[in-house]
Structures are given as structure tokens and as C-alpha cells.
């Protein structure tokens, strides 16, 4: 799983946040990424800009968090 890639004049490769997921788990993974983005973003900040500002750790922690 990788996040933070971009295309165009400001192109960059995404950074790997950890191992892959089964297809059935992807809706929950995407929801956790979006939740983290919404909590961490500044007003009018794009996802890529939030990732670049705070790094991948907050996303990684949320996505791979274990629930008891």
C-alpha cells in the first residue's frame, strides 16, 4: 500500500506505508485514510499536501491499528 504520489509538473512517487490488503478490506482501509486526512488537514488543503506536511506515519498508524 502506498500513498502520496502525484502526477504532472510536481510528480512524485507514493510512499509505501506497509503490506498490502485483501480486496475485501480495501473499503475500510480507504475510510481510515480519509478519516486521518479529514482530522489532520488544514482548510482547503489537498490530500497530497497533507501527506507531504505530516508524513505517512499518522496514516500508517490508523490503517494498521489493531482493534481489540
PDB file of N, CA and C in Angstrom:
ATOM      1  N   UNK A   1       0.851  -1.174   0.000  1.00  0.00           N
ATOM      2  CA  UNK A   1       0.000   0.000   0.000  1.00  0.00           C
ATOM      3  C   UNK A   1       0.894   1.234   0.000  1.00  0.00           C
ATOM      4  N   UNK A   2       0.614   2.173  -0.892  1.00  0.00           N
ATOM      5  CA  UNK A   2       1.387   3.414  -0.918  1.00  0.00           C
ATOM      6  C   UNK A   2       0.434   4.598  -1.026  1.00  0.00           C
ATOM      7  N   UNK A   3       0.884   5.735  -0.496  1.00  0.00           N
ATOM      8  CA  UNK A   3       0.103   6.972  -0.568  1.00  0.00           C
ATOM      9  C   UNK A   3       1.045   8.125  -0.875  1.00  0.00           C
ATOM     10  N   UNK A   4       0.482   9.212  -1.363  1.00  0.00           N
ATOM     11  CA  UNK A   4       1.247  10.438  -1.518  1.00  0.00           C
ATOM     12  C   UNK A   4       1.860  10.655  -2.876  1.00  0.00           C
ATOM     13  N   UNK A   5       1.529   9.852  -3.870  1.00  0.00           N
ATOM     14  CA  UNK A   5       2.066  10.075  -5.200  1.00  0.00           C
ATOM     15  C   UNK A   5       1.321  11.182  -5.915  1.00  0.00           C
ATOM     16  N   UNK A   6       1.955  11.761  -6.898  1.00  0.00           N
ATOM     17  CA  UNK A   6       1.323  12.831  -7.672  1.00  0.00           C
ATOM     18  C   UNK A   6       1.826  12.778  -9.106  1.00  0.00           C
ATOM     19  N   UNK A   7       1.044  13.326 -10.014  1.00  0.00           N
ATOM     20  CA  UNK A   7       1.440  13.411 -11.413  1.00  0.00           C
ATOM     21  C   UNK A   7       1.558  14.869 -11.821  1.00  0.00           C
ATOM     22  N   UNK A   8       2.024  15.099 -13.018  1.00  0.00           N
ATOM     23  CA  UNK A   8       2.120  16.461 -13.533  1.00  0.00           C
ATOM     24  C   UNK A   8       3.467  17.084 -13.270  1.00  0.00           C
ATOM     25  N   UNK A   9       3.501  18.420 -13.230  1.00  0.00           N
ATOM     26  CA  UNK A   9       4.755  19.143 -13.041  1.00  0.00           C
ATOM     27  C   UNK A   9       5.384  18.890 -11.683  1.00  0.00           C
ATOM     28  N   UNK A  10       4.574  18.526 -10.702  1.00  0.00           N
ATOM     29  CA  UNK A  10       5.061  18.263  -9.342  1.00  0.00           C
ATOM     30  C   UNK A  10       5.005  16.761  -9.047  1.00  0.00           C
ATOM     31  N   UNK A  11       5.391  15.945 -10.026  1.00  0.00           N
ATOM     32  CA  UNK A  11       5.268  14.491  -9.922  1.00  0.00           C
ATOM     33  C   UNK A  11       6.129  13.919  -8.798  1.00  0.00           C
ATOM     34  N   UNK A  12       5.595  12.900  -8.145  1.00  0.00           N
ATOM     35  CA  UNK A  12       6.342  12.184  -7.118  1.00  0.00           C
ATOM     36  C   UNK A  12       5.759  10.787  -6.971  1.00  0.00           C
ATOM     37  N   UNK A  13       6.585   9.867  -6.527  1.00  0.00           N
ATOM     38  CA  UNK A  13       6.128   8.511  -6.252  1.00  0.00           C
ATOM     39  C   UNK A  13       5.502   8.475  -4.871  1.00  0.00           C
ATOM     40  N   UNK A  14       4.501   7.629  -4.710  1.00  0.00           N
ATOM     41  CA  UNK A  14       3.910   7.430  -3.398  1.00  0.00           C
ATOM     42  C   UNK A  14       4.882   6.711  -2.488  1.00  0.00           C
ATOM     43  N   UNK A  15       4.656   6.824  -1.196  1.00  0.00           N
ATOM     44  CA  UNK A  15       5.499   6.134  -0.219  1.00  0.00           C
ATOM     45  C   UNK A  15       4.749   4.918   0.316  1.00  0.00           C
ATOM     46  N   UNK A  16       5.454   3.819   0.417  1.00  0.00           N
ATOM     47  CA  UNK A  16       4.859   2.588   0.919  1.00  0.00           C
ATOM     48  C   UNK A  16       4.609   2.742   2.414  1.00  0.00           C
ATOM     49  N   UNK A  17       3.363   2.492   2.824  1.00  0.00           N
ATOM     50  CA  UNK A  17       3.042   2.589   4.247  1.00  0.00           C
ATOM     51  C   UNK A  17       3.037   1.225   4.920  1.00  0.00           C
ATOM     52  N   UNK A  18       3.079   0.165   4.138  1.00  0.00           N
ATOM     53  CA  UNK A  18       3.108  -1.170   4.727  1.00  0.00           C
ATOM     54  C   UNK A  18       2.624  -2.212   3.750  1.00  0.00           C
ATOM     55  N   UNK A  19       2.388  -3.409   4.262  1.00  0.00           N
ATOM     56  CA  UNK A  19       1.977  -4.510   3.393  1.00  0.00           C
ATOM     57  C   UNK A  19       0.608  -4.277   2.765  1.00  0.00           C
ATOM     58  N   UNK A  20       0.340  -5.061   1.742  1.00  0.00           N
ATOM     59  CA  UNK A  20      -0.925  -4.934   1.025  1.00  0.00           C
ATOM     60  C   UNK A  20      -2.086  -5.498   1.836  1.00  0.00           C
ATOM     61  N   UNK A  21      -3.283  -5.292   1.328  1.00  0.00           N
ATOM     62  CA  UNK A  21      -4.508  -5.754   1.968  1.00  0.00           C
ATOM     63  C   UNK A  21      -5.280  -6.629   1.003  1.00  0.00           C
ATOM     64  N   UNK A  22      -6.142  -7.456   1.538  1.00  0.00           N
ATOM     65  CA  UNK A  22      -7.064  -8.215   0.702  1.00  0.00           C
ATOM     66  C   UNK A  22      -8.078  -7.245   0.105  1.00  0.00           C
ATOM     67  N   UNK A  23      -8.575  -7.554  -1.071  1.00  0.00           N
ATOM     68  CA  UNK A  23      -9.541  -6.678  -1.738  1.00  0.00           C
ATOM     69  C   UNK A  23     -10.748  -6.395  -0.853  1.00  0.00           C
ATOM     70  N   UNK A  24     -11.178  -7.349  -0.096  1.00  0.00           N
ATOM     71  CA  UNK A  24     -12.358  -7.178   0.763  1.00  0.00           C
ATOM     72  C   UNK A  24     -12.122  -6.147   1.863  1.00  0.00           C
ATOM     73  N   UNK A  25     -10.864  -5.934   2.249  1.00  0.00           N
ATOM     74  CA  UNK A  25     -10.520  -4.978   3.309  1.00  0.00           C
ATOM     75  C   UNK A  25     -10.347  -3.547   2.805  1.00  0.00           C
ATOM     76  N   UNK A  26     -10.241  -3.365   1.495  1.00  0.00           N
ATOM     77  CA  UNK A  26      -9.921  -2.048   0.950  1.00  0.00           C
ATOM     78  C   UNK A  26     -10.930  -0.950   1.287  1.00  0.00           C
ATOM     79  N   UNK A  27     -12.231  -1.200   1.311  1.00  0.00           N
ATOM     80  CA  UNK A  27     -13.137  -0.109   1.699  1.00  0.00           C
ATOM     81  C   UNK A  27     -12.839   0.441   3.093  1.00  0.00           C
ATOM     82  N   UNK A  28     -12.516  -0.430   4.046  1.00  0.00           N
ATOM     83  CA  UNK A  28     -12.167   0.024   5.393  1.00  0.00           C
ATOM     84  C   UNK A  28     -10.837   0.761   5.406  1.00  0.00           C
ATOM     85  N   UNK A  29      -9.887   0.298   4.630  1.00  0.00           N
ATOM     86  CA  UNK A  29      -8.581   0.954   4.544  1.00  0.00           C
ATOM     87  C   UNK A  29      -8.739   2.367   3.990  1.00  0.00           C
ATOM     88  N   UNK A  30      -9.496   2.499   2.917  1.00  0.00           N
ATOM     89  CA  UNK A  30      -9.727   3.816   2.316  1.00  0.00           C
ATOM     90  C   UNK A  30     -10.444   4.733   3.309  1.00  0.00           C
ATOM     91  N   UNK A  31     -11.419   4.193   4.017  1.00  0.00           N
ATOM     92  CA  UNK A  31     -12.142   5.001   5.015  1.00  0.00           C
ATOM     93  C   UNK A  31     -11.191   5.504   6.094  1.00  0.00           C
ATOM     94  N   UNK A  32     -10.271   4.671   6.553  1.00  0.00           N
ATOM     95  CA  UNK A  32      -9.309   5.084   7.579  1.00  0.00           C
ATOM     96  C   UNK A  32      -8.361   6.148   7.055  1.00  0.00           C
ATOM     97  N   UNK A  33      -7.937   6.023   5.792  1.00  0.00           N
ATOM     98  CA  UNK A  33      -7.086   7.050   5.194  1.00  0.00           C
ATOM     99  C   UNK A  33      -7.829   8.382   5.122  1.00  0.00           C
ATOM    100  N   UNK A  34      -9.076   8.338   4.695  1.00  0.00           N
ATOM    101  CA  UNK A  34      -9.870   9.565   4.586  1.00  0.00           C
ATOM    102  C   UNK A  34     -10.121  10.178   5.960  1.00  0.00           C
ATOM    103  N   UNK A  35     -10.417   9.358   6.948  1.00  0.00           N
ATOM    104  CA  UNK A  35     -10.620   9.870   8.312  1.00  0.00           C
ATOM    105  C   UNK A  35      -9.387  10.599   8.813  1.00  0.00           C
ATOM    106  N   UNK A  36      -8.226  10.013   8.575  1.00  0.00           N
ATOM    107  CA  UNK A  36      -6.972  10.634   9.005  1.00  0.00           C
ATOM    108  C   UNK A  36      -6.764  11.964   8.287  1.00  0.00           C
ATOM    109  N   UNK A  37      -7.002  11.966   6.991  1.00  0.00           N
ATOM    110  CA  UNK A  37      -6.866  13.191   6.208  1.00  0.00           C
ATOM    111  C   UNK A  37      -7.787  14.288   6.748  1.00  0.00           C
ATOM    112  N   UNK A  38      -9.040  13.973   6.975  1.00  0.00           N
ATOM    113  CA  UNK A  38     -10.004  14.968   7.451  1.00  0.00           C
ATOM    114  C   UNK A  38      -9.597  15.526   8.808  1.00  0.00           C
ATOM    115  N   UNK A  39      -9.099  14.660   9.681  1.00  0.00           N
ATOM    116  CA  UNK A  39      -8.677  15.106  11.016  1.00  0.00           C
ATOM    117  C   UNK A  39      -7.424  15.976  10.973  1.00  0.00           C
ATOM    118  N   UNK A  40      -6.531  15.724  10.032  1.00  0.00           N
ATOM    119  CA  UNK A  40      -5.220  16.371  10.019  1.00  0.00           C
ATOM    120  C   UNK A  40      -5.088  17.553   9.060  1.00  0.00           C
ATOM    121  N   UNK A  41      -5.982  17.686   8.125  1.00  0.00           N
ATOM    122  CA  UNK A  41      -5.809  18.701   7.089  1.00  0.00           C
ATOM    123  C   UNK A  41      -6.063  20.114   7.607  1.00  0.00           C
ATOM    124  N   UNK A  42      -5.474  21.057   6.893  1.00  0.00           N
ATOM    125  CA  UNK A  42      -5.780  22.470   7.085  1.00  0.00           C
ATOM    126  C   UNK A  42      -6.911  22.810   6.117  1.00  0.00           C
ATOM    127  N   UNK A  43      -7.586  23.902   6.356  1.00  0.00           N
ATOM    128  CA  UNK A  43      -8.685  24.303   5.475  1.00  0.00           C
ATOM    129  C   UNK A  43      -8.204  24.371   4.023  1.00  0.00           C
ATOM    130  N   UNK A  44      -8.982  23.805   3.130  1.00  0.00           N
ATOM    131  CA  UNK A  44      -8.693  23.806   1.686  1.00  0.00           C
ATOM    132  C   UNK A  44      -7.400  23.092   1.305  1.00  0.00           C
ATOM    133  N   UNK A  45      -6.870  22.227   2.157  1.00  0.00           N
ATOM    134  CA  UNK A  45      -5.627  21.503   1.856  1.00  0.00           C
ATOM    135  C   UNK A  45      -5.954  20.198   1.137  1.00  0.00           C
ATOM    136  N   UNK A  46      -5.239  19.934   0.066  1.00  0.00           N
ATOM    137  CA  UNK A  46      -5.419  18.683  -0.677  1.00  0.00           C
ATOM    138  C   UNK A  46      -4.796  17.517   0.087  1.00  0.00           C
ATOM    139  N   UNK A  47      -5.245  16.297  -0.249  1.00  0.00           N
ATOM    140  CA  UNK A  47      -4.724  15.094   0.388  1.00  0.00           C
ATOM    141  C   UNK A  47      -3.196  15.028   0.269  1.00  0.00           C
ATOM    142  N   UNK A  48      -2.687  15.218  -0.943  1.00  0.00           N
ATOM    143  CA  UNK A  48      -1.242  15.130  -1.170  1.00  0.00           C
ATOM    144  C   UNK A  48      -0.483  16.142  -0.322  1.00  0.00           C
ATOM    145  N   UNK A  49      -1.031  17.325  -0.151  1.00  0.00           N
ATOM    146  CA  UNK A  49      -0.361  18.349   0.646  1.00  0.00           C
ATOM    147  C   UNK A  49      -0.357  17.980   2.126  1.00  0.00           C
ATOM    148  N   UNK A  50      -1.429  17.362   2.587  1.00  0.00           N
ATOM    149  CA  UNK A  50      -1.470  16.895   3.972  1.00  0.00           C
ATOM    150  C   UNK A  50      -0.437  15.800   4.187  1.00  0.00           C
ATOM    151  N   UNK A  51      -0.358  14.856   3.264  1.00  0.00           N
ATOM    152  CA  UNK A  51       0.633  13.770   3.370  1.00  0.00           C
ATOM    153  C   UNK A  51       2.039  14.346   3.398  1.00  0.00           C
ATOM    154  N   UNK A  52       2.323  15.280   2.535  1.00  0.00           N
ATOM    155  CA  UNK A  52       3.666  15.880   2.489  1.00  0.00           C
ATOM    156  C   UNK A  52       3.978  16.654   3.773  1.00  0.00           C
ATOM    157  N   UNK A  53       2.976  17.289   4.351  1.00  0.00           N
ATOM    158  CA  UNK A  53       3.191  18.100   5.554  1.00  0.00           C
ATOM    159  C   UNK A  53       3.398  17.241   6.800  1.00  0.00           C
ATOM    160  N   UNK A  54       2.559  16.211   6.988  1.00  0.00           N
ATOM    161  CA  UNK A  54       2.621  15.434   8.234  1.00  0.00           C
ATOM    162  C   UNK A  54       3.350  14.101   8.083  1.00  0.00           C
ATOM    163  N   UNK A  55       3.622  13.685   6.841  1.00  0.00           N
ATOM    164  CA  UNK A  55       4.274  12.404   6.617  1.00  0.00           C
ATOM    165  C   UNK A  55       3.273  11.250   6.609  1.00  0.00           C
ATOM    166  N   UNK A  56       3.774  10.049   6.431  1.00  0.00           N
ATOM    167  CA  UNK A  56       2.893   8.886   6.301  1.00  0.00           C
ATOM    168  C   UNK A  56       2.556   8.211   7.628  1.00  0.00           C
ATOM    169  N   UNK A  57       3.294   8.530   8.674  1.00  0.00           N
ATOM    170  CA  UNK A  57       3.086   7.829   9.949  1.00  0.00           C
ATOM    171  C   UNK A  57       1.657   7.897  10.489  1.00  0.00           C
ATOM    172  N   UNK A  58       1.013   9.064  10.532  1.00  0.00           N
ATOM    173  CA  UNK A  58      -0.365   9.092  11.045  1.00  0.00           C
ATOM    174  C   UNK A  58      -1.316   8.214  10.228  1.00  0.00           C
ATOM    175  N   UNK A  59      -1.110   8.160   8.928  1.00  0.00           N
ATOM    176  CA  UNK A  59      -1.937   7.312   8.068  1.00  0.00           C
ATOM    177  C   UNK A  59      -1.637   5.840   8.337  1.00  0.00           C
ATOM    178  N   UNK A  60      -0.364   5.532   8.423  1.00  0.00           N
ATOM    179  CA  UNK A  60       0.063   4.156   8.688  1.00  0.00           C
ATOM    180  C   UNK A  60      -0.489   3.664  10.032  1.00  0.00           C
ATOM    181  N   UNK A  61      -0.378   4.484  11.050  1.00  0.00           N
ATOM    182  CA  UNK A  61      -0.876   4.100  12.378  1.00  0.00           C
ATOM    183  C   UNK A  61      -2.365   3.802  12.343  1.00  0.00           C
ATOM    184  N   UNK A  62      -3.140   4.632  11.660  1.00  0.00           N
ATOM    185  CA  UNK A  62      -4.596   4.440  11.597  1.00  0.00           C
ATOM    186  C   UNK A  62      -4.944   3.196  10.790  1.00  0.00           C
ATOM    187  N   UNK A  63      -4.307   3.032   9.654  1.00  0.00           N
ATOM    188  CA  UNK A  63      -4.644   1.922   8.768  1.00  0.00           C
ATOM    189  C   UNK A  63      -4.280   0.573   9.382  1.00  0.00           C
ATOM    190  N   UNK A  64      -3.143   0.507  10.051  1.00  0.00           N
ATOM    191  CA  UNK A  64      -2.672  -0.783  10.588  1.00  0.00           C
ATOM    192  C   UNK A  64      -2.972  -0.947  12.085  1.00  0.00           C
ATOM    193  N   UNK A  65      -3.778  -0.039  12.629  1.00  0.00           N
ATOM    194  CA  UNK A  65      -4.139  -0.155  14.049  1.00  0.00           C
ATOM    195  C   UNK A  65      -4.894  -1.468  14.282  1.00  0.00           C
ATOM    196  N   UNK A  66      -4.606  -2.081  15.372  1.00  0.00           N
ATOM    197  CA  UNK A  66      -5.334  -3.297  15.738  1.00  0.00           C
ATOM    198  C   UNK A  66      -6.478  -2.929  16.643  1.00  0.00           C
ATOM    199  N   UNK A  67      -7.587  -3.558  16.423  1.00  0.00           N
ATOM    200  CA  UNK A  67      -8.742  -3.341  17.286  1.00  0.00           C
ATOM    201  C   UNK A  67      -8.945  -4.570  18.138  1.00  0.00           C
ATOM    202  N   UNK A  68      -9.162  -4.325  19.412  1.00  0.00           N
ATOM    203  CA  UNK A  68      -9.348  -5.448  20.330  1.00  0.00           C
ATOM    204  C   UNK A  68     -10.809  -5.738  20.544  1.00  0.00           C
TER     205      UNK A  68
END
